[in-house]
Amino acid sequence: ERFDFARLTLPVLLMTGEHDRLAPPSEIRAVAGRILDAAPQMQSARPDVQYETLAGVGHVCNVEGAAAYNANLMPFLARLS
């Protein structure tokens, strides 16, 4: 089953660790690109997609690099409220 990225219009934050072997940066960056590529061409409907690679950590980046994770997450969440 494939997700229909064209229907996604809410803000998205994708983060992965630099050394993540389960969800490597190249794969997660590609997901961000697929979301943008599938978005409707109208600028007002384009999703807000942010991608971050966290240096020096692996798959459990929220635990391994909590400070860097939170430094990206908190401003993203603040924009939503």
PDB file of N, CA and C in Angstrom:
ATOM      1  N   GLU A   1       0.840  -1.176   0.000  1.00  0.00           N
ATOM      2  CA  GLU A   1       0.000   0.000   0.000  1.00  0.00           C
ATOM      3  C   GLU A   1       0.885   1.239   0.000  1.00  0.00           C
ATOM      4  N   ARG A   2       0.540   2.195  -0.814  1.00  0.00           N
ATOM      5  CA  ARG A   2       1.317   3.424  -0.921  1.00  0.00           C
ATOM      6  C   ARG A   2       0.481   4.590  -0.408  1.00  0.00           C
ATOM      7  N   PHE A   3       1.154   5.473   0.301  1.00  0.00           N
ATOM      8  CA  PHE A   3       0.491   6.661   0.805  1.00  0.00           C
ATOM      9  C   PHE A   3       0.364   7.686  -0.315  1.00  0.00           C
ATOM     10  N   ASP A   4      -0.771   8.341  -0.389  1.00  0.00           N
ATOM     11  CA  ASP A   4      -1.015   9.365  -1.403  1.00  0.00           C
ATOM     12  C   ASP A   4      -0.513  10.707  -0.880  1.00  0.00           C
ATOM     13  N   PHE A   5       0.744  11.026  -1.170  1.00  0.00           N
ATOM     14  CA  PHE A   5       1.345  12.262  -0.695  1.00  0.00           C
ATOM     15  C   PHE A   5       0.626  13.499  -1.234  1.00  0.00           C
ATOM     16  N   ALA A   6      -0.087  13.381  -2.325  1.00  0.00           N
ATOM     17  CA  ALA A   6      -0.803  14.520  -2.902  1.00  0.00           C
ATOM     18  C   ALA A   6      -1.895  15.026  -1.961  1.00  0.00           C
ATOM     19  N   ARG A   7      -2.356  14.191  -1.074  1.00  0.00           N
ATOM     20  CA  ARG A   7      -3.409  14.585  -0.134  1.00  0.00           C
ATOM     21  C   ARG A   7      -2.848  15.238   1.128  1.00  0.00           C
ATOM     22  N   LEU A   8      -1.557  15.253   1.284  1.00  0.00           N
ATOM     23  CA  LEU A   8      -0.912  15.755   2.492  1.00  0.00           C
ATOM     24  C   LEU A   8      -0.721  17.269   2.386  1.00  0.00           C
ATOM     25  N   THR A   9      -1.403  18.006   3.248  1.00  0.00           N
ATOM     26  CA  THR A   9      -1.300  19.462   3.229  1.00  0.00           C
ATOM     27  C   THR A   9      -0.920  20.035   4.592  1.00  0.00           C
ATOM     28  N   LEU A  10      -0.690  19.208   5.579  1.00  0.00           N
ATOM     29  CA  LEU A  10      -0.319  19.694   6.895  1.00  0.00           C
ATOM     30  C   LEU A  10       1.199  19.778   7.023  1.00  0.00           C
ATOM     31  N   PRO A  11       1.687  20.570   7.973  1.00  0.00           N
ATOM     32  CA  PRO A  11       3.140  20.683   8.155  1.00  0.00           C
ATOM     33  C   PRO A  11       3.770  19.344   8.536  1.00  0.00           C
ATOM     34  N   VAL A  12       4.952  19.106   7.999  1.00  0.00           N
ATOM     35  CA  VAL A  12       5.658  17.848   8.237  1.00  0.00           C
ATOM     36  C   VAL A  12       7.098  18.156   8.628  1.00  0.00           C
ATOM     37  N   LEU A  13       7.560  17.524   9.696  1.00  0.00           N
ATOM     38  CA  LEU A  13       8.961  17.605  10.102  1.00  0.00           C
ATOM     39  C   LEU A  13       9.524  16.193  10.043  1.00  0.00           C
ATOM     40  N   LEU A  14      10.518  15.993   9.205  1.00  0.00           N
ATOM     41  CA  LEU A  14      11.187  14.704   9.085  1.00  0.00           C
ATOM     42  C   LEU A  14      12.593  14.837   9.635  1.00  0.00           C
ATOM     43  N   MET A  15      12.939  13.991  10.586  1.00  0.00           N
ATOM     44  CA  MET A  15      14.288  14.003  11.154  1.00  0.00           C
ATOM     45  C   MET A  15      14.834  12.587  11.164  1.00  0.00           C
ATOM     46  N   THR A  16      16.122  12.494  10.925  1.00  0.00           N
ATOM     47  CA  THR A  16      16.812  11.217  11.016  1.00  0.00           C
ATOM     48  C   THR A  16      18.239  11.470  11.473  1.00  0.00           C
ATOM     49  N   GLY A  17      18.845  10.428  11.997  1.00  0.00           N
ATOM     50  CA  GLY A  17      20.221  10.549  12.443  1.00  0.00           C
ATOM     51  C   GLY A  17      21.202  10.347  11.307  1.00  0.00           C
ATOM     52  N   GLU A  18      22.316  11.008  11.407  1.00  0.00           N
ATOM     53  CA  GLU A  18      23.373  10.909  10.409  1.00  0.00           C
ATOM     54  C   GLU A  18      23.805   9.456  10.182  1.00  0.00           C
ATOM     55  N   HIS A  19      23.779   8.646  11.240  1.00  0.00           N
ATOM     56  CA  HIS A  19      24.230   7.253  11.166  1.00  0.00           C
ATOM     57  C   HIS A  19      23.076   6.256  11.212  1.00  0.00           C
ATOM     58  N   ASP A  20      21.871   6.710  10.899  1.00  0.00           N
ATOM     59  CA  ASP A  20      20.691   5.840  10.925  1.00  0.00           C
ATOM     60  C   ASP A  20      20.755   4.854   9.765  1.00  0.00           C
ATOM     61  N   ARG A  21      20.787   3.562  10.074  1.00  0.00           N
ATOM     62  CA  ARG A  21      20.824   2.546   9.021  1.00  0.00           C
ATOM     63  C   ARG A  21      19.431   2.061   8.651  1.00  0.00           C
ATOM     64  N   LEU A  22      18.443   2.267   9.524  1.00  0.00           N
ATOM     65  CA  LEU A  22      17.070   1.844   9.223  1.00  0.00           C
ATOM     66  C   LEU A  22      16.321   2.880   8.387  1.00  0.00           C
ATOM     67  N   ALA A  23      16.585   4.137   8.648  1.00  0.00           N
ATOM     68  CA  ALA A  23      15.976   5.235   7.891  1.00  0.00           C
ATOM     69  C   ALA A  23      17.085   6.245   7.580  1.00  0.00           C
ATOM     70  N   PRO A  24      17.975   5.890   6.653  1.00  0.00           N
ATOM     71  CA  PRO A  24      19.137   6.737   6.372  1.00  0.00           C
ATOM     72  C   PRO A  24      18.732   8.108   5.816  1.00  0.00           C
ATOM     73  N   PRO A  25      19.605   9.095   6.024  1.00  0.00           N
ATOM     74  CA  PRO A  25      19.297  10.443   5.553  1.00  0.00           C
ATOM     75  C   PRO A  25      18.861  10.507   4.089  1.00  0.00           C
ATOM     76  N   SER A  26      19.500   9.765   3.219  1.00  0.00           N
ATOM     77  CA  SER A  26      19.126   9.817   1.800  1.00  0.00           C
ATOM     78  C   SER A  26      17.683   9.364   1.586  1.00  0.00           C
ATOM     79  N   GLU A  27      17.255   8.374   2.339  1.00  0.00           N
ATOM     80  CA  GLU A  27      15.884   7.871   2.208  1.00  0.00           C
ATOM     81  C   GLU A  27      14.868   8.876   2.745  1.00  0.00           C
ATOM     82  N   ILE A  28      15.152   9.457   3.888  1.00  0.00           N
ATOM     83  CA  ILE A  28      14.212  10.401   4.492  1.00  0.00           C
ATOM     84  C   ILE A  28      14.170  11.698   3.692  1.00  0.00           C
ATOM     85  N   ARG A  29      15.306  12.136   3.184  1.00  0.00           N
ATOM     86  CA  ARG A  29      15.341  13.304   2.307  1.00  0.00           C
ATOM     87  C   ARG A  29      14.498  13.039   1.060  1.00  0.00           C
ATOM     88  N   ALA A  30      14.557  11.815   0.541  1.00  0.00           N
ATOM     89  CA  ALA A  30      13.755  11.454  -0.629  1.00  0.00           C
ATOM     90  C   ALA A  30      12.262  11.488  -0.311  1.00  0.00           C
ATOM     91  N   VAL A  31      11.886  11.083   0.897  1.00  0.00           N
ATOM     92  CA  VAL A  31      10.477  11.149   1.303  1.00  0.00           C
ATOM     93  C   VAL A  31      10.021  12.613   1.303  1.00  0.00           C
ATOM     94  N   ALA A  32      10.840  13.505   1.847  1.00  0.00           N
ATOM     95  CA  ALA A  32      10.499  14.930   1.833  1.00  0.00           C
ATOM     96  C   ALA A  32      10.306  15.411   0.399  1.00  0.00           C
ATOM     97  N   GLY A  33      11.181  14.985  -0.479  1.00  0.00           N
ATOM     98  CA  GLY A  33      11.056  15.350  -1.891  1.00  0.00           C
ATOM     99  C   GLY A  33       9.796  14.800  -2.528  1.00  0.00           C
ATOM    100  N   ARG A  34       9.441  13.566  -2.190  1.00  0.00           N
ATOM    101  CA  ARG A  34       8.216  12.966  -2.746  1.00  0.00           C
ATOM    102  C   ARG A  34       6.982  13.718  -2.274  1.00  0.00           C
ATOM    103  N   ILE A  35       6.991  14.165  -1.019  1.00  0.00           N
ATOM    104  CA  ILE A  35       5.854  14.939  -0.509  1.00  0.00           C
ATOM    105  C   ILE A  35       5.708  16.222  -1.320  1.00  0.00           C
ATOM    106  N   LEU A  36       6.813  16.928  -1.522  1.00  0.00           N
ATOM    107  CA  LEU A  36       6.760  18.169  -2.287  1.00  0.00           C
ATOM    108  C   LEU A  36       6.410  17.933  -3.749  1.00  0.00           C
ATOM    109  N   ASP A  37       6.966  16.892  -4.339  1.00  0.00           N
ATOM    110  CA  ASP A  37       6.689  16.589  -5.752  1.00  0.00           C
ATOM    111  C   ASP A  37       5.228  16.219  -5.984  1.00  0.00           C
ATOM    112  N   ALA A  38       4.603  15.573  -5.007  1.00  0.00           N
ATOM    113  CA  ALA A  38       3.223  15.122  -5.159  1.00  0.00           C
ATOM    114  C   ALA A  38       2.211  16.200  -4.808  1.00  0.00           C
ATOM    115  N   ALA A  39       2.676  17.286  -4.192  1.00  0.00           N
ATOM    116  CA  ALA A  39       1.761  18.339  -3.747  1.00  0.00           C
ATOM    117  C   ALA A  39       1.103  19.016  -4.941  1.00  0.00           C
ATOM    118  N   PRO A  40      -0.099  19.477  -4.740  1.00  0.00           N
ATOM    119  CA  PRO A  40      -0.765  20.233  -5.805  1.00  0.00           C
ATOM    120  C   PRO A  40       0.103  21.422  -6.218  1.00  0.00           C
ATOM    121  N   GLN A  41      -0.003  21.830  -7.443  1.00  0.00           N
ATOM    122  CA  GLN A  41       0.844  22.897  -7.965  1.00  0.00           C
ATOM    123  C   GLN A  41       0.482  24.280  -7.434  1.00  0.00           C
ATOM    124  N   MET A  42      -0.699  24.434  -6.865  1.00  0.00           N
ATOM    125  CA  MET A  42      -1.091  25.725  -6.298  1.00  0.00           C
ATOM    126  C   MET A  42      -0.251  25.992  -5.059  1.00  0.00           C
ATOM    127  N   GLN A  43       0.425  27.109  -5.005  1.00  0.00           N
ATOM    128  CA  GLN A  43       1.336  27.423  -3.902  1.00  0.00           C
ATOM    129  C   GLN A  43       0.626  27.394  -2.558  1.00  0.00           C
ATOM    130  N   SER A  44      -0.624  27.858  -2.495  1.00  0.00           N
ATOM    131  CA  SER A  44      -1.337  27.908  -1.219  1.00  0.00           C
ATOM    132  C   SER A  44      -1.621  26.514  -0.665  1.00  0.00           C
ATOM    133  N   ALA A  45      -1.593  25.501  -1.505  1.00  0.00           N
ATOM    134  CA  ALA A  45      -1.900  24.149  -1.054  1.00  0.00           C
ATOM    135  C   ALA A  45      -0.641  23.319  -0.788  1.00  0.00           C
ATOM    136  N   ARG A  46       0.520  23.885  -1.081  1.00  0.00           N
ATOM    137  CA  ARG A  46       1.758  23.119  -0.897  1.00  0.00           C
ATOM    138  C   ARG A  46       2.016  22.890   0.576  1.00  0.00           C
ATOM    139  N   PRO A  47       2.401  21.682   0.943  1.00  0.00           N
ATOM    140  CA  PRO A  47       2.683  21.401   2.350  1.00  0.00           C
ATOM    141  C   PRO A  47       3.983  22.050   2.813  1.00  0.00           C
ATOM    142  N   ASP A  48       4.040  22.298   4.088  1.00  0.00           N
ATOM    143  CA  ASP A  48       5.235  22.829   4.743  1.00  0.00           C
ATOM    144  C   ASP A  48       6.055  21.613   5.168  1.00  0.00           C
ATOM    145  N   VAL A  49       7.131  21.333   4.455  1.00  0.00           N
ATOM    146  CA  VAL A  49       7.951  20.154   4.728  1.00  0.00           C
ATOM    147  C   VAL A  49       9.352  20.592   5.139  1.00  0.00           C
ATOM    148  N   GLN A  50       9.762  20.129   6.303  1.00  0.00           N
ATOM    149  CA  GLN A  50      11.095  20.431   6.817  1.00  0.00           C
ATOM    150  C   GLN A  50      11.825  19.112   7.041  1.00  0.00           C
ATOM    151  N   TYR A  51      13.069  19.045   6.586  1.00  0.00           N
ATOM    152  CA  TYR A  51      13.896  17.849   6.752  1.00  0.00           C
ATOM    153  C   TYR A  51      15.170  18.220   7.498  1.00  0.00           C
ATOM    154  N   GLU A  52      15.541  17.408   8.485  1.00  0.00           N
ATOM    155  CA  GLU A  52      16.767  17.643   9.247  1.00  0.00           C
ATOM    156  C   GLU A  52      17.520  16.328   9.437  1.00  0.00           C
ATOM    157  N   THR A  53      18.843  16.387   9.268  1.00  0.00           N
ATOM    158  CA  THR A  53      19.714  15.272   9.621  1.00  0.00           C
ATOM    159  C   THR A  53      20.431  15.665  10.898  1.00  0.00           C
ATOM    160  N   LEU A  54      20.337  14.831  11.923  1.00  0.00           N
ATOM    161  CA  LEU A  54      20.973  15.112  13.200  1.00  0.00           C
ATOM    162  C   LEU A  54      22.354  14.467  13.224  1.00  0.00           C
ATOM    163  N   ALA A  55      23.363  15.286  13.420  1.00  0.00           N
ATOM    164  CA  ALA A  55      24.758  14.833  13.376  1.00  0.00           C
ATOM    165  C   ALA A  55      25.103  13.909  14.531  1.00  0.00           C
ATOM    166  N   GLY A  56      25.876  12.880  14.210  1.00  0.00           N
ATOM    167  CA  GLY A  56      26.470  12.011  15.213  1.00  0.00           C
ATOM    168  C   GLY A  56      25.556  11.014  15.891  1.00  0.00           C
ATOM    169  N   VAL A  57      24.329  10.862  15.401  1.00  0.00           N
ATOM    170  CA  VAL A  57      23.395   9.922  16.044  1.00  0.00           C
ATOM    171  C   VAL A  57      22.852   8.930  15.033  1.00  0.00           C
ATOM    172  N   GLY A  58      22.209   7.890  15.556  1.00  0.00           N
ATOM    173  CA  GLY A  58      21.647   6.840  14.723  1.00  0.00           C
ATOM    174  C   GLY A  58      20.132   6.903  14.668  1.00  0.00           C
ATOM    175  N   HIS A  59      19.512   5.718  14.661  1.00  0.00           N
ATOM    176  CA  HIS A  59      18.073   5.606  14.441  1.00  0.00           C
ATOM    177  C   HIS A  59      17.232   6.211  15.565  1.00  0.00           C
ATOM    178  N   VAL A  60      17.660   6.087  16.783  1.00  0.00           N
ATOM    179  CA  VAL A  60      16.875   6.596  17.914  1.00  0.00           C
ATOM    180  C   VAL A  60      17.361   8.019  18.224  1.00  0.00           C
ATOM    181  N   CYS A  61      17.231   8.890  17.234  1.00  0.00           N
ATOM    182  CA  CYS A  61      17.815  10.224  17.332  1.00  0.00           C
ATOM    183  C   CYS A  61      17.198  11.064  18.437  1.00  0.00           C
ATOM    184  N   ASN A  62      15.952  10.806  18.797  1.00  0.00           N
ATOM    185  CA  ASN A  62      15.337  11.581  19.874  1.00  0.00           C
ATOM    186  C   ASN A  62      15.945  11.245  21.228  1.00  0.00           C
ATOM    187  N   VAL A  63      16.555  10.084  21.357  1.00  0.00           N
ATOM    188  CA  VAL A  63      17.216   9.680  22.607  1.00  0.00           C
ATOM    189  C   VAL A  63      18.719   9.954  22.507  1.00  0.00           C
ATOM    190  N   GLU A  64      19.309   9.542  21.398  1.00  0.00           N
ATOM    191  CA  GLU A  64      20.761   9.674  21.214  1.00  0.00           C
ATOM    192  C   GLU A  64      21.210  11.126  21.094  1.00  0.00           C
ATOM    193  N   GLY A  65      20.373  11.955  20.544  1.00  0.00           N
ATOM    194  CA  GLY A  65      20.702  13.369  20.363  1.00  0.00           C
ATOM    195  C   GLY A  65      19.532  14.235  20.773  1.00  0.00           C
ATOM    196  N   ALA A  66      19.083  14.060  22.016  1.00  0.00           N
ATOM    197  CA  ALA A  66      17.872  14.734  22.491  1.00  0.00           C
ATOM    198  C   ALA A  66      17.933  16.253  22.337  1.00  0.00           C
ATOM    199  N   ALA A  67      19.076  16.840  22.625  1.00  0.00           N
ATOM    200  CA  ALA A  67      19.184  18.304  22.540  1.00  0.00           C
ATOM    201  C   ALA A  67      18.990  18.780  21.101  1.00  0.00           C
ATOM    202  N   ALA A  68      19.640  18.137  20.148  1.00  0.00           N
ATOM    203  CA  ALA A  68      19.501  18.508  18.739  1.00  0.00           C
ATOM    204  C   ALA A  68      18.082  18.230  18.241  1.00  0.00           C
ATOM    205  N   TYR A  69      17.527  17.108  18.665  1.00  0.00           N
ATOM    206  CA  TYR A  69      16.163  16.748  18.287  1.00  0.00           C
ATOM    207  C   TYR A  69      15.192  17.823  18.760  1.00  0.00           C
ATOM    208  N   ASN A  70      15.289  18.186  20.035  1.00  0.00           N
ATOM    209  CA  ASN A  70      14.390  19.186  20.601  1.00  0.00           C
ATOM    210  C   ASN A  70      14.626  20.566  19.998  1.00  0.00           C
ATOM    211  N   ALA A  71      15.865  20.869  19.642  1.00  0.00           N
ATOM    212  CA  ALA A  71      16.177  22.163  19.023  1.00  0.00           C
ATOM    213  C   ALA A  71      15.481  22.320  17.670  1.00  0.00           C
ATOM    214  N   ASN A  72      15.193  21.225  17.000  1.00  0.00           N
ATOM    215  CA  ASN A  72      14.444  21.258  15.740  1.00  0.00           C
ATOM    216  C   ASN A  72      12.944  21.139  15.972  1.00  0.00           C
ATOM    217  N   LEU A  73      12.554  20.297  16.907  1.00  0.00           N
ATOM    218  CA  LEU A  73      11.153  20.032  17.154  1.00  0.00           C
ATOM    219  C   LEU A  73      10.411  21.227  17.772  1.00  0.00           C
ATOM    220  N   MET A  74      10.991  21.846  18.766  1.00  0.00           N
ATOM    221  CA  MET A  74      10.284  22.887  19.493  1.00  0.00           C
ATOM    222  C   MET A  74       9.916  24.098  18.616  1.00  0.00           C
ATOM    223  N   PRO A  75      10.818  24.624  17.800  1.00  0.00           N
ATOM    224  CA  PRO A  75      10.407  25.734  16.910  1.00  0.00           C
ATOM    225  C   PRO A  75       9.358  25.300  15.891  1.00  0.00           C
ATOM    226  N   PHE A  76       9.456  24.060  15.426  1.00  0.00           N
ATOM    227  CA  PHE A  76       8.462  23.544  14.482  1.00  0.00           C
ATOM    228  C   PHE A  76       7.082  23.521  15.135  1.00  0.00           C
ATOM    229  N   LEU A  77       7.009  23.002  16.359  1.00  0.00           N
ATOM    230  CA  LEU A  77       5.730  22.945  17.082  1.00  0.00           C
ATOM    231  C   LEU A  77       5.216  24.338  17.418  1.00  0.00           C
ATOM    232  N   ALA A  78       6.118  25.243  17.760  1.00  0.00           N
ATOM    233  CA  ALA A  78       5.716  26.607  18.100  1.00  0.00           C
ATOM    234  C   ALA A  78       5.044  27.300  16.920  1.00  0.00           C
ATOM    235  N   ARG A  79       5.491  26.990  15.713  1.00  0.00           N
ATOM    236  CA  ARG A  79       4.881  27.581  14.523  1.00  0.00           C
ATOM    237  C   ARG A  79       3.449  27.103  14.316  1.00  0.00           C
ATOM    238  N   LEU A  80       3.123  25.937  14.891  1.00  0.00           N
ATOM    239  CA  LEU A  80       1.803  25.352  14.674  1.00  0.00           C
ATOM    240  C   LEU A  80       0.742  25.903  15.614  1.00  0.00           C
ATOM    241  N   SER A  81       1.184  26.517  16.694  1.00  0.00           N
ATOM    242  CA  SER A  81       0.191  26.989  17.675  1.00  0.00           C
ATOM    243  C   SER A  81      -0.157  28.444  17.497  1.00  0.00           C
TER     244      SER A  81
END
